[in-house]
Amino acid sequence: MAAALEELRSTTAAHRDRERQLQAEAAASHRGWTDMRRRVARYDDVIVPAAAARTAAALAAYEAARTELAAVLDARRAALDVSLLRLELQMEILRRLVELRFLAS
């Protein structure tokens, strides 16, 4: 009887430890998800428009014969890199969301 009671206590303690661990993982995933959403919002509000403006400025300078085509291509490549980084962040957001849903189930 004492052995069974001790086993029950041990199992209960292990269950509580695992529950705390899952709660900590969920909290960390949620913080990461929130941070990624903020980063994507910054890309949308600041970084992507700035890259587009640099591309437009380079194109205007090229059309006015004040720069080489290479400058336009460099600006466009940089804008594409920014867009790719934003998409990678969006993918990470989705990964975190899947993780959160798994931990919540």
C-alpha atoms as a PDB file:
ATOM      1  CA  MET A   1       0.000   0.000   0.000  1.00  0.00           C
ATOM      2  CA  ALA A   2       2.798   2.436   0.901  1.00  0.00           C
ATOM      3  CA  ALA A   3       4.598   1.612  -2.348  1.00  0.00           C
ATOM      4  CA  ALA A   4       1.457   2.298  -4.366  1.00  0.00           C
ATOM      5  CA  LEU A   5       0.941   5.585  -2.550  1.00  0.00           C
ATOM      6  CA  GLU A   6       4.554   6.588  -3.204  1.00  0.00           C
ATOM      7  CA  GLU A   7       4.182   5.667  -6.881  1.00  0.00           C
ATOM      8  CA  LEU A   8       1.038   7.816  -7.091  1.00  0.00           C
ATOM      9  CA  ARG A   9       2.863  10.761  -5.505  1.00  0.00           C
ATOM     10  CA  SER A  10       5.790  10.317  -7.875  1.00  0.00           C
ATOM     11  CA  THR A  11       3.535  10.106 -10.907  1.00  0.00           C
ATOM     12  CA  THR A  12       1.584  13.170  -9.771  1.00  0.00           C
ATOM     13  CA  ALA A  13       4.796  15.150  -9.262  1.00  0.00           C
ATOM     14  CA  ALA A  14       6.091  14.103 -12.686  1.00  0.00           C
ATOM     15  CA  HIS A  15       2.775  15.136 -14.244  1.00  0.00           C
ATOM     16  CA  ARG A  16       2.938  18.552 -12.564  1.00  0.00           C
ATOM     17  CA  ASP A  17       6.547  19.010 -13.696  1.00  0.00           C
ATOM     18  CA  ARG A  18       5.607  18.170 -17.273  1.00  0.00           C
ATOM     19  CA  GLU A  19       2.638  20.542 -17.118  1.00  0.00           C
ATOM     20  CA  ARG A  20       4.892  23.379 -15.898  1.00  0.00           C
ATOM     21  CA  GLN A  21       7.378  22.566 -18.650  1.00  0.00           C
ATOM     22  CA  LEU A  22       4.646  22.702 -21.314  1.00  0.00           C
ATOM     23  CA  GLN A  23       3.357  25.989 -19.905  1.00  0.00           C
ATOM     24  CA  ALA A  24       6.868  27.443 -20.077  1.00  0.00           C
ATOM     25  CA  GLU A  25       7.276  26.221 -23.677  1.00  0.00           C
ATOM     26  CA  ALA A  26       3.917  27.714 -24.621  1.00  0.00           C
ATOM     27  CA  ALA A  27       4.814  31.043 -23.007  1.00  0.00           C
ATOM     28  CA  ALA A  28       8.163  31.124 -24.815  1.00  0.00           C
ATOM     29  CA  SER A  29       6.511  30.272 -28.134  1.00  0.00           C
ATOM     30  CA  HIS A  30       3.917  32.975 -27.591  1.00  0.00           C
ATOM     31  CA  ARG A  31       6.613  35.561 -26.841  1.00  0.00           C
ATOM     32  CA  GLY A  32       8.479  34.504 -29.979  1.00  0.00           C
ATOM     33  CA  TRP A  33       5.293  34.663 -32.033  1.00  0.00           C
ATOM     34  CA  THR A  34       4.499  38.139 -30.703  1.00  0.00           C
ATOM     35  CA  ASP A  35       8.041  39.334 -31.404  1.00  0.00           C
ATOM     36  CA  MET A  36       7.922  37.989 -34.960  1.00  0.00           C
ATOM     37  CA  ARG A  37       4.600  39.746 -35.578  1.00  0.00           C
ATOM     38  CA  ARG A  38       6.140  43.020 -34.406  1.00  0.00           C
ATOM     39  CA  ARG A  39       9.104  42.492 -36.701  1.00  0.00           C
ATOM     40  CA  VAL A  40       6.839  41.831 -39.697  1.00  0.00           C
ATOM     41  CA  ALA A  41       4.843  44.957 -38.857  1.00  0.00           C
ATOM     42  CA  ARG A  42       8.111  46.936 -38.843  1.00  0.00           C
ATOM     43  CA  TYR A  43       8.997  45.484 -42.231  1.00  0.00           C
ATOM     44  CA  ASP A  44       5.556  46.464 -43.538  1.00  0.00           C
ATOM     45  CA  ASP A  45       5.597  49.948 -42.027  1.00  0.00           C
ATOM     46  CA  VAL A  46       9.237  50.986 -42.448  1.00  0.00           C
ATOM     47  CA  ILE A  47      11.675  48.636 -44.134  1.00  0.00           C
ATOM     48  CA  VAL A  48       9.741  47.538 -47.253  1.00  0.00           C
ATOM     49  CA  PRO A  49       8.560  51.092 -48.083  1.00  0.00           C
ATOM     50  CA  ALA A  50      12.100  52.420 -47.609  1.00  0.00           C
ATOM     51  CA  ALA A  51      13.489  49.785 -49.972  1.00  0.00           C
ATOM     52  CA  ALA A  52      10.797  50.640 -52.517  1.00  0.00           C
ATOM     53  CA  ALA A  53      11.619  54.343 -52.190  1.00  0.00           C
ATOM     54  CA  ARG A  54      15.319  53.634 -52.774  1.00  0.00           C
ATOM     55  CA  THR A  55      14.421  51.635 -55.874  1.00  0.00           C
ATOM     56  CA  ALA A  56      12.203  54.461 -57.158  1.00  0.00           C
ATOM     57  CA  ALA A  57      14.921  57.018 -56.477  1.00  0.00           C
ATOM     58  CA  ALA A  58      17.528  54.948 -58.282  1.00  0.00           C
ATOM     59  CA  LEU A  59      15.195  54.511 -61.253  1.00  0.00           C
ATOM     60  CA  ALA A  60      14.472  58.259 -61.381  1.00  0.00           C
ATOM     61  CA  ALA A  61      18.198  58.997 -61.260  1.00  0.00           C
ATOM     62  CA  TYR A  62      18.810  56.513 -64.069  1.00  0.00           C
ATOM     63  CA  GLU A  63      16.037  58.025 -66.183  1.00  0.00           C
ATOM     64  CA  ALA A  64      17.615  61.462 -65.631  1.00  0.00           C
ATOM     65  CA  ALA A  65      20.988  60.008 -66.692  1.00  0.00           C
ATOM     66  CA  ARG A  66      22.495  60.690 -63.260  1.00  0.00           C
ATOM     67  CA  THR A  67      23.375  57.084 -62.456  1.00  0.00           C
ATOM     68  CA  GLU A  68      24.127  53.760 -64.065  1.00  0.00           C
ATOM     69  CA  LEU A  69      21.678  50.923 -64.582  1.00  0.00           C
ATOM     70  CA  ALA A  70      23.694  48.919 -62.059  1.00  0.00           C
ATOM     71  CA  ALA A  71      22.486  51.252 -59.292  1.00  0.00           C
ATOM     72  CA  VAL A  72      18.859  50.541 -60.243  1.00  0.00           C
ATOM     73  CA  LEU A  73      19.513  46.809 -60.305  1.00  0.00           C
ATOM     74  CA  ASP A  74      21.301  46.959 -56.948  1.00  0.00           C
ATOM     75  CA  ALA A  75      18.404  48.846 -55.387  1.00  0.00           C
ATOM     76  CA  ARG A  76      15.898  46.393 -56.842  1.00  0.00           C
ATOM     77  CA  ARG A  77      17.939  43.416 -55.610  1.00  0.00           C
ATOM     78  CA  ALA A  78      18.073  44.958 -52.133  1.00  0.00           C
ATOM     79  CA  ALA A  79      14.294  45.455 -52.200  1.00  0.00           C
ATOM     80  CA  LEU A  80      13.819  41.823 -53.204  1.00  0.00           C
ATOM     81  CA  ASP A  81      16.119  40.726 -50.373  1.00  0.00           C
ATOM     82  CA  VAL A  82      14.013  42.734 -47.925  1.00  0.00           C
ATOM     83  CA  SER A  83      10.853  41.111 -49.258  1.00  0.00           C
ATOM     84  CA  LEU A  84      12.421  37.678 -48.916  1.00  0.00           C
ATOM     85  CA  LEU A  85      13.434  38.367 -45.307  1.00  0.00           C
ATOM     86  CA  ARG A  86       9.883  39.493 -44.571  1.00  0.00           C
ATOM     87  CA  LEU A  87       8.529  36.254 -46.027  1.00  0.00           C
ATOM     88  CA  GLU A  88      10.965  34.246 -43.912  1.00  0.00           C
ATOM     89  CA  LEU A  89       9.672  36.038 -40.825  1.00  0.00           C
ATOM     90  CA  GLN A  90       6.108  35.284 -41.884  1.00  0.00           C
ATOM     91  CA  MET A  91       7.009  31.597 -42.229  1.00  0.00           C
ATOM     92  CA  GLU A  92       8.486  31.649 -38.723  1.00  0.00           C
ATOM     93  CA  ILE A  93       5.266  33.200 -37.428  1.00  0.00           C
ATOM     94  CA  LEU A  94       3.311  30.326 -38.945  1.00  0.00           C
ATOM     95  CA  ARG A  95       5.708  27.775 -37.431  1.00  0.00           C
ATOM     96  CA  ARG A  96       5.246  29.365 -34.017  1.00  0.00           C
ATOM     97  CA  LEU A  97       1.486  29.351 -34.465  1.00  0.00           C
ATOM     98  CA  VAL A  98       1.514  25.636 -35.277  1.00  0.00           C
ATOM     99  CA  GLU A  99       3.688  25.031 -32.210  1.00  0.00           C
ATOM    100  CA  LEU A 100       1.315  27.027 -30.026  1.00  0.00           C
ATOM    101  CA  ARG A 101      -1.702  25.121 -31.310  1.00  0.00           C
ATOM    102  CA  PHE A 102       0.096  21.833 -30.678  1.00  0.00           C
ATOM    103  CA  LEU A 103       0.989  22.839 -27.125  1.00  0.00           C
ATOM    104  CA  ALA A 104      -2.573  24.031 -26.500  1.00  0.00           C
ATOM    105  CA  SER A 105      -4.089  20.721 -27.585  1.00  0.00           C
END
